[in-house]
Amino acid sequence: MNSKALALFYKIKPLMPRGLQLFLRGHRAQKIFGELKSPYLIDGINEKPIPVPDGYDCVVLLTHDVETHNGLAFIEPMRKIERLEGVVSTWNFVLDKYGTHPEIIRSLQDEGCECGAHGLTHDGKLFADEETYTKRMEHIIEIADKLKLTGFRSPALHRNAEWMKTIPFKWDSSFPAWDPFQPQPGGCKQYSPFKLNETTWELP
């Protein structure tokens, strides 16, 4: 999706029913998948095996993005499943869309889950220009400090590595290894964590 089409989509997105949004997203994904030279999403990425703890075959990071008010109602049912399996997860919240709900975030943190900021809104404008990014990120950081959010994942995985060099979070997960289906396709072409800046680890 080119930048003009993406800007138009986010402009009319608030007027579109959620079902229509999901339909268009699925239609676009099918079109992209059909155009791929290889059906394997990791094609072309030469990455050394990621070290895992002794006795284990792999490491899994389980994350959830809570993007709508209705998403809040699904947190506890999901946690019940995770508790049965003995796992904790990461929850990323859109901070200004429906309120911060600090009691929900504290409850998750008390259970050992990590919580991150998922932007102020999910309108696709965080990286519209550097001034917008700077103002919004200042607000994001202010709220995140109050809620003790340890990480950041940008809405729709929009990203600008140069602008993000100053974010103060412990971790970021805005850079996929390789993903042609996102509004901003591509990625960092690796799966191993790397330093985004002096304080922030990137988790592809």
N, C-alpha and C. Protein backbone atom coordinates (compact mmCIF):
# COMPACT_ATOMS: atom_id res chain seq x y z
N MET A 1 0.85 -1.19 0.00
CA MET A 1 0.00 0.00 0.00
C MET A 1 0.89 1.24 0.00
N ASN A 2 0.71 2.13 -1.01
CA ASN A 2 1.54 3.31 -1.07
C ASN A 2 1.11 4.32 -0.02
N SER A 3 1.94 5.34 0.19
CA SER A 3 1.71 6.28 1.28
C SER A 3 0.39 7.05 1.12
N LYS A 4 0.02 7.40 -0.12
CA LYS A 4 -1.22 8.14 -0.34
C LYS A 4 -2.43 7.27 -0.02
N ALA A 5 -2.38 6.02 -0.48
CA ALA A 5 -3.49 5.09 -0.20
C ALA A 5 -3.60 4.82 1.29
N LEU A 6 -2.44 4.70 1.96
CA LEU A 6 -2.44 4.45 3.40
C LEU A 6 -3.02 5.64 4.16
N ALA A 7 -2.66 6.86 3.75
CA ALA A 7 -3.19 8.06 4.39
C ALA A 7 -4.70 8.15 4.21
N LEU A 8 -5.18 7.81 3.01
CA LEU A 8 -6.63 7.83 2.75
C LEU A 8 -7.35 6.80 3.60
N PHE A 9 -6.76 5.60 3.72
CA PHE A 9 -7.39 4.55 4.52
C PHE A 9 -7.57 5.00 5.97
N TYR A 10 -6.50 5.55 6.56
CA TYR A 10 -6.60 5.97 7.96
C TYR A 10 -7.53 7.16 8.14
N LYS A 11 -7.73 7.94 7.08
CA LYS A 11 -8.65 9.07 7.16
C LYS A 11 -10.09 8.61 7.24
N ILE A 12 -10.43 7.56 6.47
CA ILE A 12 -11.81 7.08 6.46
C ILE A 12 -12.05 5.89 7.39
N LYS A 13 -10.97 5.37 7.99
CA LYS A 13 -11.09 4.20 8.87
C LYS A 13 -12.10 4.38 10.00
N PRO A 14 -12.15 5.57 10.67
CA PRO A 14 -13.13 5.72 11.77
C PRO A 14 -14.57 5.59 11.32
N LEU A 15 -14.84 5.76 10.03
CA LEU A 15 -16.20 5.68 9.51
C LEU A 15 -16.56 4.27 9.05
N MET A 16 -15.58 3.38 9.02
CA MET A 16 -15.79 2.04 8.49
C MET A 16 -16.15 1.06 9.60
N PRO A 17 -17.16 0.22 9.41
CA PRO A 17 -17.46 -0.84 10.38
C PRO A 17 -16.27 -1.77 10.54
N ARG A 18 -16.10 -2.32 11.74
CA ARG A 18 -14.96 -3.18 12.02
C ARG A 18 -14.93 -4.38 11.07
N GLY A 19 -16.11 -4.92 10.76
CA GLY A 19 -16.17 -6.07 9.86
C GLY A 19 -15.61 -5.74 8.49
N LEU A 20 -15.90 -4.54 8.00
CA LEU A 20 -15.40 -4.12 6.69
C LEU A 20 -13.89 -3.94 6.74
N GLN A 21 -13.39 -3.38 7.84
CA GLN A 21 -11.94 -3.22 7.99
C GLN A 21 -11.23 -4.57 7.91
N LEU A 22 -11.78 -5.57 8.62
CA LEU A 22 -11.17 -6.90 8.62
C LEU A 22 -11.26 -7.56 7.24
N PHE A 23 -12.38 -7.33 6.55
CA PHE A 23 -12.54 -7.89 5.21
C PHE A 23 -11.50 -7.32 4.26
N LEU A 24 -11.33 -6.00 4.28
CA LEU A 24 -10.36 -5.35 3.40
C LEU A 24 -8.94 -5.79 3.73
N ARG A 25 -8.67 -5.94 5.04
CA ARG A 25 -7.34 -6.40 5.45
C ARG A 25 -7.07 -7.80 4.92
N GLY A 26 -8.06 -8.69 5.04
CA GLY A 26 -7.89 -10.05 4.54
C GLY A 26 -7.74 -10.10 3.03
N HIS A 27 -8.51 -9.28 2.32
CA HIS A 27 -8.42 -9.22 0.86
C HIS A 27 -7.03 -8.77 0.43
N ARG A 28 -6.50 -7.75 1.11
CA ARG A 28 -5.17 -7.25 0.79
C ARG A 28 -4.12 -8.31 1.06
N ALA A 29 -4.25 -9.03 2.19
CA ALA A 29 -3.28 -10.08 2.53
C ALA A 29 -3.26 -11.18 1.48
N GLN A 30 -4.44 -11.59 1.02
CA GLN A 30 -4.52 -12.63 -0.01
C GLN A 30 -3.85 -12.17 -1.30
N LYS A 31 -4.04 -10.92 -1.65
CA LYS A 31 -3.42 -10.37 -2.87
C LYS A 31 -1.91 -10.37 -2.75
N ILE A 32 -1.39 -9.92 -1.61
CA ILE A 32 0.06 -9.89 -1.40
C ILE A 32 0.63 -11.29 -1.41
N PHE A 33 -0.06 -12.23 -0.73
CA PHE A 33 0.43 -13.61 -0.66
C PHE A 33 0.53 -14.21 -2.05
N GLY A 34 -0.43 -13.89 -2.90
CA GLY A 34 -0.41 -14.42 -4.26
C GLY A 34 0.71 -13.87 -5.11
N GLU A 35 1.23 -12.70 -4.73
CA GLU A 35 2.29 -12.07 -5.50
C GLU A 35 3.68 -12.41 -4.99
N LEU A 36 3.78 -13.09 -3.85
CA LEU A 36 5.08 -13.43 -3.29
C LEU A 36 5.81 -14.41 -4.21
N LYS A 37 7.11 -14.21 -4.37
CA LYS A 37 7.90 -15.12 -5.18
C LYS A 37 8.08 -16.46 -4.48
N SER A 38 8.03 -16.43 -3.16
CA SER A 38 8.16 -17.65 -2.37
C SER A 38 7.03 -17.69 -1.36
N PRO A 39 6.44 -18.86 -1.09
CA PRO A 39 5.39 -18.95 -0.08
C PRO A 39 5.94 -18.92 1.33
N TYR A 40 7.25 -18.90 1.48
CA TYR A 40 7.84 -18.95 2.81
C TYR A 40 8.21 -17.55 3.26
N LEU A 41 7.65 -17.13 4.37
CA LEU A 41 7.86 -15.76 4.83
C LEU A 41 9.30 -15.50 5.26
N ILE A 42 10.07 -16.53 5.56
CA ILE A 42 11.45 -16.32 6.00
C ILE A 42 12.42 -16.43 4.82
N ASP A 43 11.92 -16.56 3.61
CA ASP A 43 12.78 -16.71 2.45
C ASP A 43 13.71 -15.51 2.33
N GLY A 44 14.98 -15.77 2.09
CA GLY A 44 15.93 -14.70 1.89
C GLY A 44 16.58 -14.18 3.16
N ILE A 45 16.17 -14.68 4.32
CA ILE A 45 16.77 -14.23 5.57
C ILE A 45 17.75 -15.29 6.06
N ASN A 46 18.99 -14.95 6.08
CA ASN A 46 20.02 -15.87 6.57
C ASN A 46 20.37 -15.48 8.00
N GLU A 47 19.88 -16.26 8.92
CA GLU A 47 20.05 -15.92 10.34
C GLU A 47 20.61 -17.12 11.08
N LYS A 48 21.60 -16.89 11.92
CA LYS A 48 22.14 -17.97 12.73
C LYS A 48 21.08 -18.42 13.74
N PRO A 49 21.14 -19.68 14.16
CA PRO A 49 20.18 -20.15 15.16
C PRO A 49 20.22 -19.31 16.42
N ILE A 50 19.06 -19.01 16.97
CA ILE A 50 18.99 -18.23 18.19
C ILE A 50 19.28 -19.13 19.38
N PRO A 51 20.20 -18.76 20.25
CA PRO A 51 20.49 -19.59 21.43
C PRO A 51 19.26 -19.72 22.33
N VAL A 52 19.01 -20.91 22.83
CA VAL A 52 17.89 -21.14 23.74
C VAL A 52 18.42 -21.78 25.01
N PRO A 53 17.67 -21.68 26.11
CA PRO A 53 18.12 -22.29 27.37
C PRO A 53 18.31 -23.80 27.25
N ASP A 54 19.22 -24.33 28.02
CA ASP A 54 19.48 -25.78 28.00
C ASP A 54 18.19 -26.54 28.30
N GLY A 55 17.97 -27.59 27.54
CA GLY A 55 16.80 -28.43 27.74
C GLY A 55 15.57 -27.98 26.97
N TYR A 56 15.67 -26.88 26.21
CA TYR A 56 14.52 -26.37 25.46
C TYR A 56 14.86 -26.31 23.97
N ASP A 57 13.84 -26.45 23.15
CA ASP A 57 14.03 -26.42 21.70
C ASP A 57 13.82 -25.03 21.11
N CYS A 58 13.07 -24.19 21.81
CA CYS A 58 12.77 -22.88 21.25
C CYS A 58 12.37 -21.92 22.36
N VAL A 59 12.25 -20.66 22.01
CA VAL A 59 11.78 -19.62 22.91
C VAL A 59 10.59 -18.94 22.25
N VAL A 60 9.51 -18.74 23.00
CA VAL A 60 8.30 -18.12 22.45
C VAL A 60 7.98 -16.85 23.23
N LEU A 61 7.72 -15.78 22.51
CA LEU A 61 7.25 -14.54 23.11
C LEU A 61 5.78 -14.39 22.79
N LEU A 62 4.94 -14.35 23.81
CA LEU A 62 3.50 -14.25 23.61
C LEU A 62 3.07 -12.82 23.90
N THR A 63 2.53 -12.14 22.90
CA THR A 63 2.14 -10.74 23.06
C THR A 63 0.71 -10.51 22.60
N HIS A 64 0.09 -9.49 23.20
CA HIS A 64 -1.28 -9.09 22.83
C HIS A 64 -1.32 -7.58 22.67
N ASP A 65 -1.96 -7.10 21.61
CA ASP A 65 -2.19 -5.67 21.43
C ASP A 65 -3.66 -5.38 21.70
N VAL A 66 -3.93 -4.56 22.71
CA VAL A 66 -5.30 -4.20 23.08
C VAL A 66 -5.60 -2.88 22.38
N GLU A 67 -6.32 -2.96 21.26
CA GLU A 67 -6.48 -1.81 20.38
C GLU A 67 -7.85 -1.15 20.47
N THR A 68 -8.81 -1.81 21.07
CA THR A 68 -10.16 -1.25 21.16
C THR A 68 -10.68 -1.41 22.58
N HIS A 69 -11.72 -0.67 22.90
CA HIS A 69 -12.33 -0.78 24.22
C HIS A 69 -12.85 -2.19 24.46
N ASN A 70 -13.42 -2.80 23.42
CA ASN A 70 -13.92 -4.17 23.56
C ASN A 70 -12.81 -5.15 23.90
N GLY A 71 -11.59 -4.82 23.50
CA GLY A 71 -10.47 -5.71 23.77
C GLY A 71 -10.19 -5.88 25.25
N LEU A 72 -10.57 -4.89 26.04
CA LEU A 72 -10.36 -4.99 27.49
C LEU A 72 -11.10 -6.17 28.08
N ALA A 73 -12.28 -6.47 27.53
CA ALA A 73 -13.11 -7.55 28.08
C ALA A 73 -12.49 -8.92 27.82
N PHE A 74 -11.56 -9.02 26.88
CA PHE A 74 -10.96 -10.31 26.54
C PHE A 74 -9.69 -10.59 27.33
N ILE A 75 -9.23 -9.61 28.11
CA ILE A 75 -7.96 -9.80 28.83
C ILE A 75 -8.08 -10.94 29.84
N GLU A 76 -9.08 -10.89 30.70
CA GLU A 76 -9.21 -11.90 31.74
C GLU A 76 -9.45 -13.30 31.17
N PRO A 77 -10.33 -13.48 30.16
CA PRO A 77 -10.47 -14.82 29.57
C PRO A 77 -9.16 -15.35 28.98
N MET A 78 -8.38 -14.47 28.37
CA MET A 78 -7.09 -14.90 27.83
C MET A 78 -6.13 -15.28 28.95
N ARG A 79 -6.13 -14.49 30.02
CA ARG A 79 -5.25 -14.79 31.14
C ARG A 79 -5.62 -16.12 31.80
N LYS A 80 -6.90 -16.45 31.85
CA LYS A 80 -7.31 -17.74 32.42
C LYS A 80 -6.68 -18.89 31.65
N ILE A 81 -6.66 -18.78 30.34
CA ILE A 81 -6.03 -19.81 29.51
C ILE A 81 -4.53 -19.86 29.77
N GLU A 82 -3.92 -18.69 29.85
CA GLU A 82 -2.47 -18.64 30.08
C GLU A 82 -2.10 -19.19 31.45
N ARG A 83 -2.93 -18.89 32.44
CA ARG A 83 -2.64 -19.42 33.79
C ARG A 83 -2.68 -20.95 33.79
N LEU A 84 -3.64 -21.52 33.07
CA LEU A 84 -3.73 -22.98 33.00
C LEU A 84 -2.49 -23.58 32.37
N GLU A 85 -1.88 -22.86 31.44
CA GLU A 85 -0.67 -23.34 30.76
C GLU A 85 0.61 -22.91 31.47
N GLY A 86 0.46 -22.10 32.51
CA GLY A 86 1.63 -21.67 33.27
C GLY A 86 2.51 -20.67 32.55
N VAL A 87 1.89 -19.79 31.77
CA VAL A 87 2.69 -18.82 31.03
C VAL A 87 2.23 -17.40 31.37
N VAL A 88 3.12 -16.46 31.15
CA VAL A 88 2.79 -15.04 31.24
C VAL A 88 3.03 -14.43 29.86
N SER A 89 2.55 -13.23 29.66
CA SER A 89 2.61 -12.63 28.33
C SER A 89 2.82 -11.13 28.44
N THR A 90 2.91 -10.49 27.29
CA THR A 90 3.06 -9.04 27.22
C THR A 90 1.79 -8.43 26.63
N TRP A 91 1.35 -7.33 27.24
CA TRP A 91 0.13 -6.65 26.81
C TRP A 91 0.46 -5.21 26.46
N ASN A 92 0.12 -4.82 25.23
CA ASN A 92 0.40 -3.47 24.76
C ASN A 92 -0.91 -2.70 24.62
N PHE A 93 -0.95 -1.50 25.21
CA PHE A 93 -2.20 -0.74 25.29
C PHE A 93 -2.12 0.57 24.50
N VAL A 94 -3.19 0.85 23.73
CA VAL A 94 -3.36 2.16 23.10
C VAL A 94 -3.78 3.12 24.21
N LEU A 95 -2.94 4.08 24.52
CA LEU A 95 -3.07 4.80 25.79
C LEU A 95 -4.19 5.84 25.83
N ASP A 96 -4.49 6.50 24.74
CA ASP A 96 -5.48 7.57 24.77
C ASP A 96 -6.82 7.18 24.16
N LYS A 97 -6.94 5.97 23.67
CA LYS A 97 -8.14 5.61 22.92
C LYS A 97 -9.33 5.36 23.82
N TYR A 98 -9.10 4.71 24.96
CA TYR A 98 -10.22 4.35 25.82
C TYR A 98 -9.85 4.49 27.29
N GLY A 99 -8.86 5.29 27.57
CA GLY A 99 -8.41 5.42 28.96
C GLY A 99 -7.35 4.40 29.27
N THR A 100 -6.57 4.67 30.28
CA THR A 100 -5.41 3.82 30.57
C THR A 100 -5.72 2.63 31.47
N HIS A 101 -6.82 2.68 32.20
CA HIS A 101 -7.21 1.57 33.06
C HIS A 101 -6.04 1.04 33.89
N PRO A 102 -5.49 1.87 34.76
CA PRO A 102 -4.30 1.46 35.53
C PRO A 102 -4.53 0.22 36.38
N GLU A 103 -5.78 0.00 36.83
CA GLU A 103 -6.02 -1.18 37.67
C GLU A 103 -5.83 -2.47 36.89
N ILE A 104 -6.19 -2.46 35.61
CA ILE A 104 -5.99 -3.65 34.76
C ILE A 104 -4.50 -3.88 34.54
N ILE A 105 -3.79 -2.80 34.26
CA ILE A 105 -2.35 -2.90 34.01
C ILE A 105 -1.62 -3.38 35.26
N ARG A 106 -1.97 -2.84 36.42
CA ARG A 106 -1.32 -3.27 37.67
C ARG A 106 -1.58 -4.75 37.94
N SER A 107 -2.81 -5.19 37.67
CA SER A 107 -3.14 -6.60 37.89
C SER A 107 -2.29 -7.51 37.01
N LEU A 108 -2.12 -7.13 35.76
CA LEU A 108 -1.28 -7.92 34.85
C LEU A 108 0.17 -7.92 35.32
N GLN A 109 0.65 -6.77 35.71
CA GLN A 109 2.04 -6.68 36.18
C GLN A 109 2.26 -7.50 37.45
N ASP A 110 1.27 -7.51 38.33
CA ASP A 110 1.38 -8.29 39.56
C ASP A 110 1.48 -9.78 39.27
N GLU A 111 0.92 -10.21 38.14
CA GLU A 111 0.98 -11.63 37.76
C GLU A 111 2.26 -11.97 37.01
N GLY A 112 3.13 -10.99 36.81
CA GLY A 112 4.38 -11.25 36.11
C GLY A 112 4.36 -10.90 34.64
N CYS A 113 3.24 -10.37 34.15
CA CYS A 113 3.16 -9.96 32.75
C CYS A 113 3.85 -8.62 32.57
N GLU A 114 4.36 -8.39 31.38
CA GLU A 114 4.89 -7.07 31.04
C GLU A 114 3.82 -6.30 30.29
N CYS A 115 3.85 -4.98 30.43
CA CYS A 115 2.89 -4.13 29.72
C CYS A 115 3.64 -3.05 28.98
N GLY A 116 3.18 -2.76 27.77
CA GLY A 116 3.83 -1.76 26.95
C GLY A 116 2.86 -0.77 26.37
N ALA A 117 3.40 0.32 25.85
CA ALA A 117 2.60 1.35 25.19
C ALA A 117 2.45 1.00 23.72
N HIS A 118 1.24 1.16 23.21
CA HIS A 118 0.94 0.87 21.81
C HIS A 118 0.48 2.15 21.11
N GLY A 119 1.16 3.24 21.44
CA GLY A 119 0.82 4.53 20.88
C GLY A 119 -0.30 5.21 21.66
N LEU A 120 -0.62 6.43 21.23
CA LEU A 120 -1.74 7.15 21.84
C LEU A 120 -3.04 6.76 21.20
N THR A 121 -3.06 6.67 19.91
CA THR A 121 -4.22 6.25 19.13
C THR A 121 -3.74 5.26 18.08
N HIS A 122 -4.68 4.67 17.37
CA HIS A 122 -4.31 3.71 16.32
C HIS A 122 -4.73 4.30 14.97
N ASP A 123 -4.36 5.57 14.76
CA ASP A 123 -4.82 6.28 13.57
C ASP A 123 -3.79 6.37 12.46
N GLY A 124 -2.63 5.74 12.64
CA GLY A 124 -1.62 5.72 11.59
C GLY A 124 -0.86 7.01 11.42
N LYS A 125 -0.95 7.94 12.39
CA LYS A 125 -0.34 9.26 12.21
C LYS A 125 0.87 9.50 13.11
N LEU A 126 1.28 8.51 13.88
CA LEU A 126 2.40 8.72 14.79
C LEU A 126 3.65 9.15 14.03
N PHE A 127 3.88 8.56 12.85
CA PHE A 127 5.07 8.88 12.07
C PHE A 127 4.75 9.74 10.86
N ALA A 128 3.67 10.50 10.92
CA ALA A 128 3.28 11.35 9.80
C ALA A 128 4.36 12.37 9.47
N ASP A 129 4.96 12.95 10.50
CA ASP A 129 6.08 13.87 10.33
C ASP A 129 6.81 13.91 11.67
N GLU A 130 8.01 14.46 11.66
CA GLU A 130 8.84 14.40 12.86
C GLU A 130 8.25 15.21 14.01
N GLU A 131 7.58 16.32 13.71
CA GLU A 131 6.98 17.13 14.77
C GLU A 131 5.86 16.37 15.46
N THR A 132 4.99 15.73 14.66
CA THR A 132 3.91 14.93 15.24
C THR A 132 4.47 13.81 16.08
N TYR A 133 5.50 13.13 15.55
CA TYR A 133 6.11 12.03 16.29
C TYR A 133 6.67 12.51 17.63
N THR A 134 7.38 13.62 17.61
CA THR A 134 8.01 14.12 18.84
C THR A 134 6.96 14.47 19.89
N LYS A 135 5.90 15.16 19.51
CA LYS A 135 4.87 15.57 20.46
C LYS A 135 4.14 14.36 21.02
N ARG A 136 3.78 13.44 20.15
CA ARG A 136 3.05 12.26 20.62
C ARG A 136 3.93 11.38 21.49
N MET A 137 5.19 11.22 21.11
CA MET A 137 6.07 10.35 21.89
C MET A 137 6.30 10.93 23.27
N GLU A 138 6.39 12.25 23.38
CA GLU A 138 6.52 12.87 24.70
C GLU A 138 5.33 12.53 25.58
N HIS A 139 4.14 12.55 25.00
CA HIS A 139 2.91 12.21 25.75
C HIS A 139 2.91 10.72 26.10
N ILE A 140 3.31 9.88 25.15
CA ILE A 140 3.37 8.43 25.38
C ILE A 140 4.31 8.13 26.55
N ILE A 141 5.48 8.73 26.54
CA ILE A 141 6.47 8.49 27.59
C ILE A 141 5.96 8.96 28.95
N GLU A 142 5.27 10.10 28.97
CA GLU A 142 4.71 10.62 30.21
C GLU A 142 3.71 9.65 30.83
N ILE A 143 2.79 9.13 30.01
CA ILE A 143 1.80 8.17 30.50
C ILE A 143 2.48 6.86 30.88
N ALA A 144 3.41 6.42 30.06
CA ALA A 144 4.10 5.15 30.32
C ALA A 144 4.85 5.19 31.64
N ASP A 145 5.46 6.30 31.95
CA ASP A 145 6.17 6.43 33.23
C ASP A 145 5.21 6.26 34.41
N LYS A 146 4.04 6.86 34.31
CA LYS A 146 3.06 6.78 35.40
C LYS A 146 2.55 5.36 35.58
N LEU A 147 2.42 4.63 34.47
CA LEU A 147 1.87 3.28 34.52
C LEU A 147 2.95 2.21 34.64
N LYS A 148 4.21 2.63 34.64
CA LYS A 148 5.35 1.71 34.73
C LYS A 148 5.35 0.71 33.57
N LEU A 149 5.09 1.23 32.37
CA LEU A 149 5.14 0.41 31.17
C LEU A 149 6.59 0.26 30.74
N THR A 150 7.01 -0.97 30.48
CA THR A 150 8.42 -1.23 30.24
C THR A 150 8.81 -1.17 28.77
N GLY A 151 7.82 -1.25 27.86
CA GLY A 151 8.17 -1.33 26.45
C GLY A 151 7.24 -0.56 25.55
N PHE A 152 7.51 -0.67 24.26
CA PHE A 152 6.76 0.06 23.25
C PHE A 152 6.59 -0.80 22.01
N ARG A 153 5.41 -0.75 21.43
CA ARG A 153 5.17 -1.32 20.09
C ARG A 153 4.32 -0.32 19.33
N SER A 154 4.81 0.17 18.22
CA SER A 154 4.10 1.21 17.51
C SER A 154 2.84 0.65 16.85
N PRO A 155 1.79 1.47 16.75
CA PRO A 155 0.55 1.02 16.09
C PRO A 155 0.82 0.61 14.64
N ALA A 156 0.28 -0.56 14.27
CA ALA A 156 0.43 -1.11 12.92
C ALA A 156 1.89 -1.30 12.52
N LEU A 157 2.78 -1.33 13.51
CA LEU A 157 4.22 -1.52 13.28
C LEU A 157 4.81 -0.47 12.35
N HIS A 158 4.25 0.75 12.37
CA HIS A 158 4.91 1.85 11.68
C HIS A 158 6.20 2.15 12.43
N ARG A 159 7.23 2.59 11.72
CA ARG A 159 8.51 2.75 12.39
C ARG A 159 9.43 3.67 11.59
N ASN A 160 10.34 4.28 12.32
CA ASN A 160 11.42 5.07 11.74
C ASN A 160 12.60 4.92 12.68
N ALA A 161 13.55 4.12 12.29
CA ALA A 161 14.66 3.77 13.18
C ALA A 161 15.43 5.00 13.65
N GLU A 162 15.56 5.99 12.80
CA GLU A 162 16.32 7.19 13.16
C GLU A 162 15.60 7.97 14.25
N TRP A 163 14.30 8.18 14.10
CA TRP A 163 13.54 8.93 15.09
C TRP A 163 13.45 8.18 16.41
N MET A 164 13.44 6.85 16.36
CA MET A 164 13.24 6.04 17.55
C MET A 164 14.52 5.81 18.35
N LYS A 165 15.61 6.39 17.94
CA LYS A 165 16.87 6.18 18.64
C LYS A 165 16.87 6.75 20.06
N THR A 166 15.92 7.63 20.36
CA THR A 166 15.92 8.28 21.67
C THR A 166 14.84 7.74 22.61
N ILE A 167 14.06 6.74 22.19
CA ILE A 167 13.02 6.26 23.09
C ILE A 167 13.66 5.62 24.33
N PRO A 168 13.08 5.83 25.51
CA PRO A 168 13.73 5.39 26.76
C PRO A 168 13.25 4.04 27.27
N PHE A 169 12.49 3.30 26.47
CA PHE A 169 11.89 2.07 26.96
C PHE A 169 12.94 0.95 27.08
N LYS A 170 12.61 -0.04 27.88
CA LYS A 170 13.50 -1.20 28.06
C LYS A 170 13.54 -2.03 26.79
N TRP A 171 12.41 -2.11 26.10
CA TRP A 171 12.34 -2.89 24.86
C TRP A 171 11.37 -2.24 23.88
N ASP A 172 11.55 -2.59 22.63
CA ASP A 172 10.65 -2.19 21.56
C ASP A 172 10.38 -3.40 20.68
N SER A 173 9.17 -3.49 20.13
CA SER A 173 8.87 -4.59 19.20
C SER A 173 8.08 -4.05 18.01
N SER A 174 8.62 -3.02 17.39
CA SER A 174 7.98 -2.39 16.24
C SER A 174 8.57 -2.83 14.90
N PHE A 175 9.66 -3.61 14.94
CA PHE A 175 10.36 -4.01 13.72
C PHE A 175 10.18 -5.51 13.49
N PRO A 176 9.33 -5.93 12.58
CA PRO A 176 9.26 -7.36 12.27
C PRO A 176 10.53 -7.81 11.56
N ALA A 177 10.82 -9.10 11.63
CA ALA A 177 11.96 -9.61 10.88
C ALA A 177 11.71 -9.40 9.39
N TRP A 178 10.53 -9.79 8.95
CA TRP A 178 10.13 -9.57 7.56
C TRP A 178 8.63 -9.81 7.48
N ASP A 179 7.89 -8.82 7.05
CA ASP A 179 6.44 -8.95 7.00
C ASP A 179 5.89 -8.12 5.85
N PRO A 180 5.49 -8.76 4.77
CA PRO A 180 4.97 -8.02 3.62
C PRO A 180 3.52 -7.58 3.80
N PHE A 181 2.85 -8.01 4.87
CA PHE A 181 1.43 -7.76 5.03
C PHE A 181 1.10 -6.49 5.81
N GLN A 182 2.08 -5.91 6.48
CA GLN A 182 1.83 -4.72 7.27
C GLN A 182 1.69 -3.50 6.36
N PRO A 183 1.03 -2.43 6.85
CA PRO A 183 0.95 -1.20 6.06
C PRO A 183 2.33 -0.68 5.63
N GLN A 184 3.33 -0.84 6.52
CA GLN A 184 4.71 -0.54 6.17
C GLN A 184 5.45 -1.87 6.06
N PRO A 185 5.54 -2.42 4.86
CA PRO A 185 6.10 -3.77 4.70
C PRO A 185 7.61 -3.79 4.92
N GLY A 186 8.15 -5.01 4.93
CA GLY A 186 9.58 -5.18 5.12
C GLY A 186 9.91 -5.48 6.56
N GLY A 187 11.12 -5.14 6.98
CA GLY A 187 11.53 -5.41 8.35
C GLY A 187 13.03 -5.31 8.50
N CYS A 188 13.51 -5.79 9.64
CA CYS A 188 14.94 -5.66 9.97
C CYS A 188 15.75 -6.86 9.48
N LYS A 189 15.09 -7.88 8.96
CA LYS A 189 15.74 -9.05 8.36
C LYS A 189 16.58 -9.85 9.34
N GLN A 190 16.14 -9.88 10.59
CA GLN A 190 16.78 -10.77 11.56
C GLN A 190 15.80 -11.05 12.69
N TYR A 191 16.02 -12.19 13.36
CA TYR A 191 15.15 -12.59 14.45
C TYR A 191 15.80 -12.37 15.82
N SER A 192 17.11 -12.26 15.85
CA SER A 192 17.79 -12.07 17.13
C SER A 192 17.59 -10.66 17.64
N PRO A 193 17.43 -10.48 18.95
CA PRO A 193 17.33 -9.13 19.52
C PRO A 193 18.60 -8.32 19.23
N PHE A 194 18.43 -7.00 19.11
CA PHE A 194 19.57 -6.12 18.92
C PHE A 194 19.28 -4.80 19.61
N LYS A 195 20.31 -4.02 19.84
CA LYS A 195 20.16 -2.75 20.53
C LYS A 195 19.64 -1.69 19.56
N LEU A 196 18.48 -1.11 19.86
CA LEU A 196 17.95 0.00 19.07
C LEU A 196 18.63 1.30 19.46
N ASN A 197 18.94 1.42 20.74
CA ASN A 197 19.74 2.53 21.26
C ASN A 197 20.42 2.04 22.54
N GLU A 198 21.01 2.93 23.30
CA GLU A 198 21.78 2.51 24.48
C GLU A 198 20.92 1.85 25.55
N THR A 199 19.63 2.18 25.62
CA THR A 199 18.78 1.65 26.68
C THR A 199 17.73 0.67 26.19
N THR A 200 17.51 0.58 24.89
CA THR A 200 16.36 -0.15 24.35
C THR A 200 16.79 -1.33 23.49
N TRP A 201 16.30 -2.52 23.86
CA TRP A 201 16.50 -3.72 23.05
C TRP A 201 15.35 -3.84 22.05
N GLU A 202 15.69 -4.09 20.80
CA GLU A 202 14.67 -4.37 19.80
C GLU A 202 14.40 -5.87 19.79
N LEU A 203 13.12 -6.25 19.88
CA LEU A 203 12.71 -7.65 19.84
C LEU A 203 11.91 -7.88 18.56
N PRO A 204 12.56 -8.31 17.49
CA PRO A 204 11.86 -8.45 16.19
C PRO A 204 10.71 -9.45 16.28
